[in-house]
PDB file of N, CA and C in Angstrom:
ATOM      1  N   UNK A   1     282.990 -83.932  -9.736  1.00  0.00           N
ATOM      2  CA  UNK A   1     281.699 -83.326 -10.041  1.00  0.00           C
ATOM      3  C   UNK A   1     281.706 -81.872  -9.539  1.00  0.00           C
ATOM      4  N   UNK A   2     281.207 -80.980 -10.357  1.00  0.00           N
ATOM      5  CA  UNK A   2     281.150 -79.563 -10.013  1.00  0.00           C
ATOM      6  C   UNK A   2     280.000 -79.347  -9.040  1.00  0.00           C
ATOM      7  N   UNK A   3     280.314 -78.811  -7.866  1.00  0.00           N
ATOM      8  CA  UNK A   3     279.291 -78.653  -6.826  1.00  0.00           C
ATOM      9  C   UNK A   3     278.633 -77.282  -6.840  1.00  0.00           C
ATOM     10  N   UNK A   4     279.044 -76.421  -7.749  1.00  0.00           N
ATOM     11  CA  UNK A   4     278.451 -75.084  -7.775  1.00  0.00           C
ATOM     12  C   UNK A   4     276.999 -75.143  -8.238  1.00  0.00           C
ATOM     13  N   UNK A   5     276.211 -74.315  -7.615  1.00  0.00           N
ATOM     14  CA  UNK A   5     274.807 -74.171  -7.982  1.00  0.00           C
ATOM     15  C   UNK A   5     274.720 -73.367  -9.272  1.00  0.00           C
ATOM     16  N   UNK A   6     273.693 -73.599 -10.054  1.00  0.00           N
ATOM     17  CA  UNK A   6     273.475 -72.822 -11.265  1.00  0.00           C
ATOM     18  C   UNK A   6     273.332 -71.340 -10.982  1.00  0.00           C
ATOM     19  N   UNK A   7     272.896 -71.009  -9.773  1.00  0.00           N
ATOM     20  CA  UNK A   7     272.781 -69.612  -9.386  1.00  0.00           C
ATOM     21  C   UNK A   7     274.151 -68.945  -9.388  1.00  0.00           C
ATOM     22  N   UNK A   8     275.168 -69.683  -8.957  1.00  0.00           N
ATOM     23  CA  UNK A   8     276.534 -69.167  -8.967  1.00  0.00           C
ATOM     24  C   UNK A   8     276.944 -68.783 -10.390  1.00  0.00           C
ATOM     25  N   UNK A   9     276.625 -69.621 -11.326  1.00  0.00           N
ATOM     26  CA  UNK A   9     276.968 -69.358 -12.723  1.00  0.00           C
ATOM     27  C   UNK A   9     276.175 -68.154 -13.249  1.00  0.00           C
ATOM     28  N   UNK A  10     274.894 -68.117 -12.952  1.00  0.00           N
ATOM     29  CA  UNK A  10     274.052 -67.011 -13.423  1.00  0.00           C
ATOM     30  C   UNK A  10     274.493 -65.679 -12.832  1.00  0.00           C
ATOM     31  N   UNK A  11     274.883 -65.682 -11.565  1.00  0.00           N
ATOM     32  CA  UNK A  11     275.299 -64.434 -10.914  1.00  0.00           C
ATOM     33  C   UNK A  11     276.597 -63.876 -11.494  1.00  0.00           C
ATOM     34  N   UNK A  12     277.379 -64.724 -12.133  1.00  0.00           N
ATOM     35  CA  UNK A  12     278.571 -64.213 -12.820  1.00  0.00           C
ATOM     36  C   UNK A  12     278.167 -63.304 -13.974  1.00  0.00           C
ATOM     37  N   UNK A  13     276.997 -63.531 -14.534  1.00  0.00           N
ATOM     38  CA  UNK A  13     276.505 -62.715 -15.649  1.00  0.00           C
ATOM     39  C   UNK A  13     275.727 -61.509 -15.133  1.00  0.00           C
ATOM     40  N   UNK A  14     274.824 -61.710 -14.188  1.00  0.00           N
ATOM     41  CA  UNK A  14     273.929 -60.616 -13.751  1.00  0.00           C
ATOM     42  C   UNK A  14     274.368 -59.966 -12.444  1.00  0.00           C
ATOM     43  N   UNK A  15     275.520 -60.369 -11.933  1.00  0.00           N
ATOM     44  CA  UNK A  15     275.994 -59.773 -10.690  1.00  0.00           C
ATOM     45  C   UNK A  15     276.207 -58.272 -10.841  1.00  0.00           C
ATOM     46  N   UNK A  16     275.883 -57.568  -9.810  1.00  0.00           N
ATOM     47  CA  UNK A  16     276.009 -56.119  -9.830  1.00  0.00           C
ATOM     48  C   UNK A  16     274.656 -55.478  -9.632  1.00  0.00           C
ATOM     49  N   UNK A  17     274.694 -54.245  -9.240  1.00  0.00           N
ATOM     50  CA  UNK A  17     273.475 -53.531  -8.888  1.00  0.00           C
ATOM     51  C   UNK A  17     272.583 -53.232 -10.089  1.00  0.00           C
ATOM     52  N   UNK A  18     273.163 -52.987 -11.243  1.00  0.00           N
ATOM     53  CA  UNK A  18     272.387 -52.446 -12.366  1.00  0.00           C
ATOM     54  C   UNK A  18     272.035 -53.448 -13.452  1.00  0.00           C
ATOM     55  N   UNK A  19     272.762 -54.531 -13.582  1.00  0.00           N
ATOM     56  CA  UNK A  19     272.536 -55.449 -14.705  1.00  0.00           C
ATOM     57  C   UNK A  19     271.123 -56.019 -14.757  1.00  0.00           C
ATOM     58  N   UNK A  20     270.550 -56.473 -13.642  1.00  0.00           N
ATOM     59  CA  UNK A  20     269.175 -56.975 -13.740  1.00  0.00           C
ATOM     60  C   UNK A  20     268.194 -55.907 -14.227  1.00  0.00           C
ATOM     61  N   UNK A  21     268.382 -54.662 -13.805  1.00  0.00           N
ATOM     62  CA  UNK A  21     267.490 -53.584 -14.256  1.00  0.00           C
ATOM     63  C   UNK A  21     267.688 -53.283 -15.738  1.00  0.00           C
ATOM     64  N   UNK A  22     268.916 -53.332 -16.201  1.00  0.00           N
ATOM     65  CA  UNK A  22     269.196 -53.139 -17.624  1.00  0.00           C
ATOM     66  C   UNK A  22     268.489 -54.225 -18.425  1.00  0.00           C
ATOM     67  N   UNK A  23     268.610 -55.464 -17.991  1.00  0.00           N
ATOM     68  CA  UNK A  23     267.964 -56.576 -18.701  1.00  0.00           C
ATOM     69  C   UNK A  23     266.446 -56.435 -18.678  1.00  0.00           C
ATOM     70  N   UNK A  24     265.903 -56.002 -17.548  1.00  0.00           N
ATOM     71  CA  UNK A  24     264.457 -55.796 -17.442  1.00  0.00           C
ATOM     72  C   UNK A  24     263.989 -54.809 -18.508  1.00  0.00           C
ATOM     73  N   UNK A  25     264.684 -53.696 -18.640  1.00  0.00           N
ATOM     74  CA  UNK A  25     264.259 -52.678 -19.601  1.00  0.00           C
ATOM     75  C   UNK A  25     264.530 -53.096 -21.045  1.00  0.00           C
ATOM     76  N   UNK A  26     265.598 -53.829 -21.286  1.00  0.00           N
ATOM     77  CA  UNK A  26     265.868 -54.299 -22.649  1.00  0.00           C
ATOM     78  C   UNK A  26     264.895 -55.385 -23.084  1.00  0.00           C
ATOM     79  N   UNK A  27     264.235 -56.013 -22.130  1.00  0.00           N
ATOM     80  CA  UNK A  27     263.255 -57.046 -22.460  1.00  0.00           C
ATOM     81  C   UNK A  27     262.070 -56.467 -23.226  1.00  0.00           C
ATOM     82  N   UNK A  28     261.897 -55.164 -23.174  1.00  0.00           N
ATOM     83  CA  UNK A  28     260.807 -54.493 -23.905  1.00  0.00           C
ATOM     84  C   UNK A  28     261.154 -54.262 -25.368  1.00  0.00           C
ATOM     85  N   UNK A  29     262.422 -54.450 -25.729  1.00  0.00           N
ATOM     86  CA  UNK A  29     262.851 -54.267 -27.111  1.00  0.00           C
ATOM     87  C   UNK A  29     264.110 -53.421 -27.182  1.00  0.00           C
ATOM     88  N   UNK A  30     264.651 -53.256 -28.394  1.00  0.00           N
ATOM     89  CA  UNK A  30     265.870 -52.466 -28.565  1.00  0.00           C
ATOM     90  C   UNK A  30     265.713 -51.074 -27.951  1.00  0.00           C
ATOM     91  N   UNK A  31     266.757 -50.639 -27.262  1.00  0.00           N
ATOM     92  CA  UNK A  31     266.699 -49.392 -26.516  1.00  0.00           C
ATOM     93  C   UNK A  31     268.002 -48.630 -26.698  1.00  0.00           C
ATOM     94  N   UNK A  32     267.884 -47.328 -26.890  1.00  0.00           N
ATOM     95  CA  UNK A  32     269.057 -46.480 -27.049  1.00  0.00           C
ATOM     96  C   UNK A  32     269.659 -46.154 -25.682  1.00  0.00           C
ATOM     97  N   UNK A  33     270.925 -45.772 -25.679  1.00  0.00           N
ATOM     98  CA  UNK A  33     271.657 -45.504 -24.454  1.00  0.00           C
ATOM     99  C   UNK A  33     270.965 -44.448 -23.592  1.00  0.00           C
ATOM    100  N   UNK A  34     270.589 -43.332 -24.194  1.00  0.00           N
ATOM    101  CA  UNK A  34     269.965 -42.245 -23.435  1.00  0.00           C
ATOM    102  C   UNK A  34     268.677 -42.677 -22.768  1.00  0.00           C
ATOM    103  N   UNK A  35     267.920 -43.499 -23.461  1.00  0.00           N
ATOM    104  CA  UNK A  35     266.675 -44.000 -22.864  1.00  0.00           C
ATOM    105  C   UNK A  35     266.977 -44.941 -21.703  1.00  0.00           C
ATOM    106  N   UNK A  36     267.962 -45.808 -21.864  1.00  0.00           N
ATOM    107  CA  UNK A  36     268.355 -46.689 -20.760  1.00  0.00           C
ATOM    108  C   UNK A  36     268.817 -45.877 -19.560  1.00  0.00           C
ATOM    109  N   UNK A  37     269.562 -44.820 -19.812  1.00  0.00           N
ATOM    110  CA  UNK A  37     270.046 -43.960 -18.724  1.00  0.00           C
ATOM    111  C   UNK A  37     268.872 -43.378 -17.939  1.00  0.00           C
ATOM    112  N   UNK A  38     267.811 -43.000 -18.642  1.00  0.00           N
ATOM    113  CA  UNK A  38     266.619 -42.467 -17.964  1.00  0.00           C
ATOM    114  C   UNK A  38     265.843 -43.568 -17.232  1.00  0.00           C
ATOM    115  N   UNK A  39     265.754 -44.739 -17.843  1.00  0.00           N
ATOM    116  CA  UNK A  39     264.969 -45.829 -17.262  1.00  0.00           C
ATOM    117  C   UNK A  39     265.623 -46.438 -16.022  1.00  0.00           C
ATOM    118  N   UNK A  40     266.942 -46.553 -16.039  1.00  0.00           N
ATOM    119  CA  UNK A  40     267.667 -47.149 -14.914  1.00  0.00           C
ATOM    120  C   UNK A  40     268.055 -46.009 -13.967  1.00  0.00           C
ATOM    121  N   UNK A  41     267.105 -45.608 -13.175  1.00  0.00           N
ATOM    122  CA  UNK A  41     267.268 -44.446 -12.297  1.00  0.00           C
ATOM    123  C   UNK A  41     268.439 -44.627 -11.347  1.00  0.00           C
ATOM    124  N   UNK A  42     269.309 -43.631 -11.319  1.00  0.00           N
ATOM    125  CA  UNK A  42     270.422 -43.634 -10.388  1.00  0.00           C
ATOM    126  C   UNK A  42     271.733 -44.153 -10.945  1.00  0.00           C
ATOM    127  N   UNK A  43     271.709 -44.828 -12.087  1.00  0.00           N
ATOM    128  CA  UNK A  43     272.954 -45.348 -12.647  1.00  0.00           C
ATOM    129  C   UNK A  43     273.756 -44.194 -13.249  1.00  0.00           C
ATOM    130  N   UNK A  44     275.059 -44.223 -13.034  1.00  0.00           N
ATOM    131  CA  UNK A  44     275.915 -43.215 -13.654  1.00  0.00           C
ATOM    132  C   UNK A  44     276.200 -43.632 -15.094  1.00  0.00           C
ATOM    133  N   UNK A  45     276.570 -42.668 -15.896  1.00  0.00           N
ATOM    134  CA  UNK A  45     276.892 -42.965 -17.290  1.00  0.00           C
ATOM    135  C   UNK A  45     278.043 -43.965 -17.373  1.00  0.00           C
ATOM    136  N   UNK A  46     279.046 -43.781 -16.532  1.00  0.00           N
ATOM    137  CA  UNK A  46     280.203 -44.682 -16.512  1.00  0.00           C
ATOM    138  C   UNK A  46     279.789 -46.120 -16.199  1.00  0.00           C
ATOM    139  N   UNK A  47     278.950 -46.290 -15.178  1.00  0.00           N
ATOM    140  CA  UNK A  47     278.521 -47.642 -14.803  1.00  0.00           C
ATOM    141  C   UNK A  47     277.643 -48.268 -15.877  1.00  0.00           C
ATOM    142  N   UNK A  48     276.768 -47.463 -16.485  1.00  0.00           N
ATOM    143  CA  UNK A  48     275.914 -47.994 -17.546  1.00  0.00           C
ATOM    144  C   UNK A  48     276.765 -48.464 -18.720  1.00  0.00           C
ATOM    145  N   UNK A  49     277.730 -47.661 -19.124  1.00  0.00           N
ATOM    146  CA  UNK A  49     278.629 -48.051 -20.216  1.00  0.00           C
ATOM    147  C   UNK A  49     279.354 -49.344 -19.860  1.00  0.00           C
ATOM    148  N   UNK A  50     279.880 -49.424 -18.642  1.00  0.00           N
ATOM    149  CA  UNK A  50     280.618 -50.612 -18.207  1.00  0.00           C
ATOM    150  C   UNK A  50     279.736 -51.854 -18.223  1.00  0.00           C
ATOM    151  N   UNK A  51     278.532 -51.741 -17.659  1.00  0.00           N
ATOM    152  CA  UNK A  51     277.649 -52.910 -17.608  1.00  0.00           C
ATOM    153  C   UNK A  51     277.160 -53.320 -18.997  1.00  0.00           C
ATOM    154  N   UNK A  52     276.871 -52.357 -19.850  1.00  0.00           N
ATOM    155  CA  UNK A  52     276.470 -52.700 -21.217  1.00  0.00           C
ATOM    156  C   UNK A  52     277.602 -53.426 -21.939  1.00  0.00           C
ATOM    157  N   UNK A  53     278.814 -52.948 -21.750  1.00  0.00           N
ATOM    158  CA  UNK A  53     279.969 -53.597 -22.387  1.00  0.00           C
ATOM    159  C   UNK A  53     280.130 -55.032 -21.866  1.00  0.00           C
ATOM    160  N   UNK A  54     280.014 -55.215 -20.547  1.00  0.00           N
ATOM    161  CA  UNK A  54     280.154 -56.556 -19.963  1.00  0.00           C
ATOM    162  C   UNK A  54     279.054 -57.495 -20.454  1.00  0.00           C
ATOM    163  N   UNK A  55     277.814 -57.004 -20.480  1.00  0.00           N
ATOM    164  CA  UNK A  55     276.708 -57.841 -20.953  1.00  0.00           C
ATOM    165  C   UNK A  55     276.887 -58.210 -22.428  1.00  0.00           C
ATOM    166  N   UNK A  56     277.408 -57.279 -23.226  1.00  0.00           N
ATOM    167  CA  UNK A  56     277.676 -57.574 -24.634  1.00  0.00           C
ATOM    168  C   UNK A  56     278.814 -58.582 -24.766  1.00  0.00           C
ATOM    169  N   UNK A  57     279.879 -58.403 -23.996  1.00  0.00           N
ATOM    170  CA  UNK A  57     281.002 -59.348 -24.021  1.00  0.00           C
ATOM    171  C   UNK A  57     280.565 -60.750 -23.606  1.00  0.00           C
ATOM    172  N   UNK A  58     279.583 -60.825 -22.692  1.00  0.00           N
ATOM    173  CA  UNK A  58     279.068 -62.121 -22.228  1.00  0.00           C
ATOM    174  C   UNK A  58     278.047 -62.725 -23.193  1.00  0.00           C
ATOM    175  N   UNK A  59     277.682 -62.000 -24.240  1.00  0.00           N
ATOM    176  CA  UNK A  59     276.746 -62.527 -25.230  1.00  0.00           C
ATOM    177  C   UNK A  59     275.290 -62.437 -24.831  1.00  0.00           C
ATOM    178  N   UNK A  60     274.983 -61.614 -23.834  1.00  0.00           N
ATOM    179  CA  UNK A  60     273.613 -61.489 -23.333  1.00  0.00           C
ATOM    180  C   UNK A  60     272.862 -60.390 -24.080  1.00  0.00           C
ATOM    181  N   UNK A  61     273.587 -59.362 -24.496  1.00  0.00           N
ATOM    182  CA  UNK A  61     272.988 -58.295 -25.297  1.00  0.00           C
ATOM    183  C   UNK A  61     273.854 -58.068 -26.531  1.00  0.00           C
ATOM    184  N   UNK A  62     273.286 -57.364 -27.480  1.00  0.00           N
ATOM    185  CA  UNK A  62     274.024 -56.984 -28.678  1.00  0.00           C
ATOM    186  C   UNK A  62     273.907 -55.474 -28.846  1.00  0.00           C
ATOM    187  N   UNK A  63     275.010 -54.865 -29.236  1.00  0.00           N
ATOM    188  CA  UNK A  63     275.058 -53.429 -29.510  1.00  0.00           C
ATOM    189  C   UNK A  63     274.973 -53.251 -31.019  1.00  0.00           C
ATOM    190  N   UNK A  64     273.986 -52.492 -31.452  1.00  0.00           N
ATOM    191  CA  UNK A  64     273.810 -52.271 -32.884  1.00  0.00           C
ATOM    192  C   UNK A  64     274.120 -50.816 -33.212  1.00  0.00           C
ATOM    193  N   UNK A  65     275.195 -50.612 -33.966  1.00  0.00           N
ATOM    194  CA  UNK A  65     275.613 -49.280 -34.406  1.00  0.00           C
ATOM    195  C   UNK A  65     275.114 -49.107 -35.839  1.00  0.00           C
ATOM    196  N   UNK A  66     274.241 -48.129 -36.043  1.00  0.00           N
ATOM    197  CA  UNK A  66     273.646 -47.907 -37.348  1.00  0.00           C
ATOM    198  C   UNK A  66     274.565 -47.150 -38.300  1.00  0.00           C
ATOM    199  N   UNK A  67     275.719 -46.693 -37.818  1.00  0.00           N
ATOM    200  CA  UNK A  67     276.701 -45.975 -38.637  1.00  0.00           C
ATOM    201  C   UNK A  67     276.074 -44.802 -39.366  1.00  0.00           C
ATOM    202  N   UNK A  68     275.355 -43.989 -38.593  1.00  0.00           N
ATOM    203  CA  UNK A  68     274.695 -42.812 -39.138  1.00  0.00           C
ATOM    204  C   UNK A  68     275.260 -41.559 -38.484  1.00  0.00           C
ATOM    205  N   UNK A  69     274.986 -40.429 -39.123  1.00  0.00           N
ATOM    206  CA  UNK A  69     275.306 -39.134 -38.534  1.00  0.00           C
ATOM    207  C   UNK A  69     273.995 -38.388 -38.400  1.00  0.00           C
ATOM    208  N   UNK A  70     273.616 -37.961 -37.195  1.00  0.00           N
ATOM    209  CA  UNK A  70     274.328 -38.179 -35.930  1.00  0.00           C
ATOM    210  C   UNK A  70     274.305 -39.653 -35.541  1.00  0.00           C
ATOM    211  N   UNK A  71     275.249 -40.043 -34.690  1.00  0.00           N
ATOM    212  CA  UNK A  71     275.357 -41.456 -34.304  1.00  0.00           C
ATOM    213  C   UNK A  71     274.056 -41.995 -33.702  1.00  0.00           C
ATOM    214  N   UNK A  72     273.742 -43.224 -34.078  1.00  0.00           N
ATOM    215  CA  UNK A  72     272.571 -43.913 -33.522  1.00  0.00           C
ATOM    216  C   UNK A  72     272.996 -45.329 -33.172  1.00  0.00           C
ATOM    217  N   UNK A  73     272.866 -45.653 -31.891  1.00  0.00           N
ATOM    218  CA  UNK A  73     273.238 -46.975 -31.383  1.00  0.00           C
ATOM    219  C   UNK A  73     272.116 -47.438 -30.476  1.00  0.00           C
ATOM    220  N   UNK A  74     271.778 -48.719 -30.563  1.00  0.00           N
ATOM    221  CA  UNK A  74     270.850 -49.258 -29.578  1.00  0.00           C
ATOM    222  C   UNK A  74     271.348 -50.611 -29.099  1.00  0.00           C
ATOM    223  N   UNK A  75     270.705 -51.076 -28.049  1.00  0.00           N
ATOM    224  CA  UNK A  75     271.065 -52.344 -27.414  1.00  0.00           C
ATOM    225  C   UNK A  75     269.829 -53.226 -27.389  1.00  0.00           C
ATOM    226  N   UNK A  76     270.052 -54.530 -27.571  1.00  0.00           N
ATOM    227  CA  UNK A  76     268.942 -55.477 -27.556  1.00  0.00           C
ATOM    228  C   UNK A  76     269.418 -56.787 -26.935  1.00  0.00           C
ATOM    229  N   UNK A  77     268.469 -57.552 -26.447  1.00  0.00           N
ATOM    230  CA  UNK A  77     268.787 -58.865 -25.888  1.00  0.00           C
ATOM    231  C   UNK A  77     269.085 -59.859 -26.998  1.00  0.00           C
ATOM    232  N   UNK A  78     270.035 -60.726 -26.764  1.00  0.00           N
ATOM    233  CA  UNK A  78     270.251 -61.873 -27.640  1.00  0.00           C
ATOM    234  C   UNK A  78     269.239 -62.946 -27.237  1.00  0.00           C
ATOM    235  N   UNK A  79     269.237 -64.065 -27.943  1.00  0.00           N
ATOM    236  CA  UNK A  79     268.331 -65.159 -27.577  1.00  0.00           C
ATOM    237  C   UNK A  79     268.570 -65.621 -26.144  1.00  0.00           C
ATOM    238  N   UNK A  80     269.832 -65.749 -25.754  1.00  0.00           N
ATOM    239  CA  UNK A  80     270.123 -66.168 -24.381  1.00  0.00           C
ATOM    240  C   UNK A  80     269.759 -65.055 -23.398  1.00  0.00           C
ATOM    241  N   UNK A  81     269.879 -63.815 -23.824  1.00  0.00           N
ATOM    242  CA  UNK A  81     269.476 -62.689 -22.982  1.00  0.00           C
ATOM    243  C   UNK A  81     267.982 -62.687 -22.712  1.00  0.00           C
ATOM    244  N   UNK A  82     267.198 -63.081 -23.716  1.00  0.00           N
ATOM    245  CA  UNK A  82     265.741 -63.177 -23.528  1.00  0.00           C
ATOM    246  C   UNK A  82     265.425 -64.210 -22.454  1.00  0.00           C
ATOM    247  N   UNK A  83     266.123 -65.341 -22.483  1.00  0.00           N
ATOM    248  CA  UNK A  83     265.859 -66.377 -21.469  1.00  0.00           C
ATOM    249  C   UNK A  83     266.309 -65.919 -20.090  1.00  0.00           C
ATOM    250  N   UNK A  84     267.393 -65.156 -20.036  1.00  0.00           N
ATOM    251  CA  UNK A  84     267.862 -64.633 -18.750  1.00  0.00           C
ATOM    252  C   UNK A  84     266.881 -63.610 -18.189  1.00  0.00           C
ATOM    253  N   UNK A  85     266.391 -62.718 -19.025  1.00  0.00           N
ATOM    254  CA  UNK A  85     265.404 -61.729 -18.580  1.00  0.00           C
ATOM    255  C   UNK A  85     264.140 -62.435 -18.074  1.00  0.00           C
ATOM    256  N   UNK A  86     263.747 -63.506 -18.754  1.00  0.00           N
ATOM    257  CA  UNK A  86     262.574 -64.265 -18.319  1.00  0.00           C
ATOM    258  C   UNK A  86     262.828 -64.924 -16.962  1.00  0.00           C
ATOM    259  N   UNK A  87     264.048 -65.373 -16.734  1.00  0.00           N
ATOM    260  CA  UNK A  87     264.385 -65.989 -15.446  1.00  0.00           C
ATOM    261  C   UNK A  87     264.357 -64.967 -14.314  1.00  0.00           C
ATOM    262  N   UNK A  88     264.629 -63.701 -14.624  1.00  0.00           N
ATOM    263  CA  UNK A  88     264.618 -62.649 -13.607  1.00  0.00           C
ATOM    264  C   UNK A  88     263.205 -62.143 -13.303  1.00  0.00           C
ATOM    265  N   UNK A  89     262.259 -62.389 -14.194  1.00  0.00           N
ATOM    266  CA  UNK A  89     260.893 -61.887 -14.025  1.00  0.00           C
ATOM    267  C   UNK A  89     260.262 -62.304 -12.694  1.00  0.00           C
ATOM    268  N   UNK A  90     260.408 -63.560 -12.236  1.00  0.00           N
ATOM    269  CA  UNK A  90     259.830 -63.913 -10.929  1.00  0.00           C
ATOM    270  C   UNK A  90     260.426 -63.110  -9.770  1.00  0.00           C
ATOM    271  N   UNK A  91     261.677 -62.723  -9.864  1.00  0.00           N
ATOM    272  CA  UNK A  91     262.285 -61.896  -8.826  1.00  0.00           C
ATOM    273  C   UNK A  91     261.636 -60.512  -8.813  1.00  0.00           C
ATOM    274  N   UNK A  92     261.342 -59.989  -9.987  1.00  0.00           N
ATOM    275  CA  UNK A  92     260.622 -58.718 -10.091  1.00  0.00           C
ATOM    276  C   UNK A  92     259.244 -58.852  -9.450  1.00  0.00           C
ATOM    277  N   UNK A  93     258.568 -59.941  -9.746  1.00  0.00           N
ATOM    278  CA  UNK A  93     257.245 -60.181  -9.152  1.00  0.00           C
ATOM    279  C   UNK A  93     257.337 -60.263  -7.630  1.00  0.00           C
ATOM    280  N   UNK A  94     258.351 -60.962  -7.131  1.00  0.00           N
ATOM    281  CA  UNK A  94     258.537 -61.080  -5.688  1.00  0.00           C
ATOM    282  C   UNK A  94     258.714 -59.706  -5.061  1.00  0.00           C
ATOM    283  N   UNK A  95     259.524 -58.862  -5.695  1.00  0.00           N
ATOM    284  CA  UNK A  95     259.741 -57.512  -5.184  1.00  0.00           C
ATOM    285  C   UNK A  95     258.462 -56.697  -5.155  1.00  0.00           C
ATOM    286  N   UNK A  96     257.638 -56.835  -6.194  1.00  0.00           N
ATOM    287  CA  UNK A  96     256.367 -56.111  -6.225  1.00  0.00           C
ATOM    288  C   UNK A  96     255.416 -56.592  -5.134  1.00  0.00           C
ATOM    289  N   UNK A  97     255.330 -57.902  -4.951  1.00  0.00           N
ATOM    290  CA  UNK A  97     254.444 -58.476  -3.936  1.00  0.00           C
ATOM    291  C   UNK A  97     254.883 -58.078  -2.531  1.00  0.00           C
ATOM    292  N   UNK A  98     256.173 -58.007  -2.312  1.00  0.00           N
ATOM    293  CA  UNK A  98     256.709 -57.764  -0.975  1.00  0.00           C
ATOM    294  C   UNK A  98     257.202 -56.338  -0.746  1.00  0.00           C
ATOM    295  N   UNK A  99     256.886 -55.435  -1.652  1.00  0.00           N
ATOM    296  CA  UNK A  99     257.366 -54.057  -1.568  1.00  0.00           C
ATOM    297  C   UNK A  99     257.003 -53.402  -0.232  1.00  0.00           C
ATOM    298  N   UNK A 100     255.758 -53.527   0.215  1.00  0.00           N
ATOM    299  CA  UNK A 100     255.324 -52.891   1.463  1.00  0.00           C
ATOM    300  C   UNK A 100     256.123 -53.424   2.648  1.00  0.00           C
ATOM    301  N   UNK A 101     256.324 -54.725   2.713  1.00  0.00           N
ATOM    302  CA  UNK A 101     257.100 -55.314   3.795  1.00  0.00           C
ATOM    303  C   UNK A 101     258.536 -54.811   3.747  1.00  0.00           C
ATOM    304  N   UNK A 102     259.141 -54.785   2.566  1.00  0.00           N
ATOM    305  CA  UNK A 102     260.526 -54.333   2.423  1.00  0.00           C
ATOM    306  C   UNK A 102     260.649 -52.880   2.870  1.00  0.00           C
ATOM    307  N   UNK A 103     259.725 -52.027   2.425  1.00  0.00           N
ATOM    308  CA  UNK A 103     259.777 -50.612   2.787  1.00  0.00           C
ATOM    309  C   UNK A 103     259.592 -50.414   4.288  1.00  0.00           C
ATOM    310  N   UNK A 104     258.729 -51.230   4.908  1.00  0.00           N
ATOM    311  CA  UNK A 104     258.480 -51.084   6.344  1.00  0.00           C
ATOM    312  C   UNK A 104     259.611 -51.659   7.182  1.00  0.00           C
ATOM    313  N   UNK A 105     260.184 -52.761   6.726  1.00  0.00           N
ATOM    314  CA  UNK A 105     261.188 -53.475   7.513  1.00  0.00           C
ATOM    315  C   UNK A 105     262.612 -53.005   7.230  1.00  0.00           C
ATOM    316  N   UNK A 106     262.870 -52.654   5.993  1.00  0.00           N
ATOM    317  CA  UNK A 106     264.235 -52.290   5.577  1.00  0.00           C
ATOM    318  C   UNK A 106     264.215 -50.944   4.890  1.00  0.00           C
ATOM    319  N   UNK A 107     264.044 -49.852   5.633  1.00  0.00           N
ATOM    320  CA  UNK A 107     263.951 -48.527   5.013  1.00  0.00           C
ATOM    321  C   UNK A 107     265.105 -48.270   4.046  1.00  0.00           C
ATOM    322  N   UNK A 108     264.739 -47.761   2.880  1.00  0.00           N
ATOM    323  CA  UNK A 108     265.744 -47.454   1.855  1.00  0.00           C
ATOM    324  C   UNK A 108     266.075 -48.605   0.935  1.00  0.00           C
ATOM    325  N   UNK A 109     265.727 -49.822   1.307  1.00  0.00           N
ATOM    326  CA  UNK A 109     266.063 -50.979   0.489  1.00  0.00           C
ATOM    327  C   UNK A 109     265.141 -51.146  -0.724  1.00  0.00           C
ATOM    328  N   UNK A 110     263.925 -50.642  -0.641  1.00  0.00           N
ATOM    329  CA  UNK A 110     262.964 -50.848  -1.721  1.00  0.00           C
ATOM    330  C   UNK A 110     263.169 -49.873  -2.870  1.00  0.00           C
ATOM    331  N   UNK A 111     263.983 -48.854  -2.686  1.00  0.00           N
ATOM    332  CA  UNK A 111     264.202 -47.875  -3.736  1.00  0.00           C
ATOM    333  C   UNK A 111     265.400 -48.271  -4.575  1.00  0.00           C
ATOM    334  N   UNK A 112     265.235 -48.183  -5.901  1.00  0.00           N
ATOM    335  CA  UNK A 112     266.366 -48.443  -6.808  1.00  0.00           C
ATOM    336  C   UNK A 112     267.331 -47.275  -6.698  1.00  0.00           C
ATOM    337  N   UNK A 113     268.618 -47.596  -6.860  1.00  0.00           N
ATOM    338  CA  UNK A 113     269.607 -46.517  -6.860  1.00  0.00           C
ATOM    339  C   UNK A 113     270.120 -46.307  -5.555  1.00  0.00           C
TER     340      UNK A 113
END
């Protein structure tokens, strides 16, 4: 019998500093790279590209290339990505509820980036 917790499996997909934030912003709908770069404060272009590629390879997001000039590409959640973003929503709520405590107790921890 596999003794791993489901959290272990989920963290293989969302592990890393930026992936949960990327999923949070993609939950609002298809988003272009430049907009994601602005929304995910502090992420480098290299890391954003890497995480988007990993999330797409894992089937959590889809990259849509419109094959236009100038190039237009956006990213969106797949059906499983929507369920993953929904699973992360309570963690976002927890952070909002406990923001003051985190800022007072763990300086620097409450800021993204």
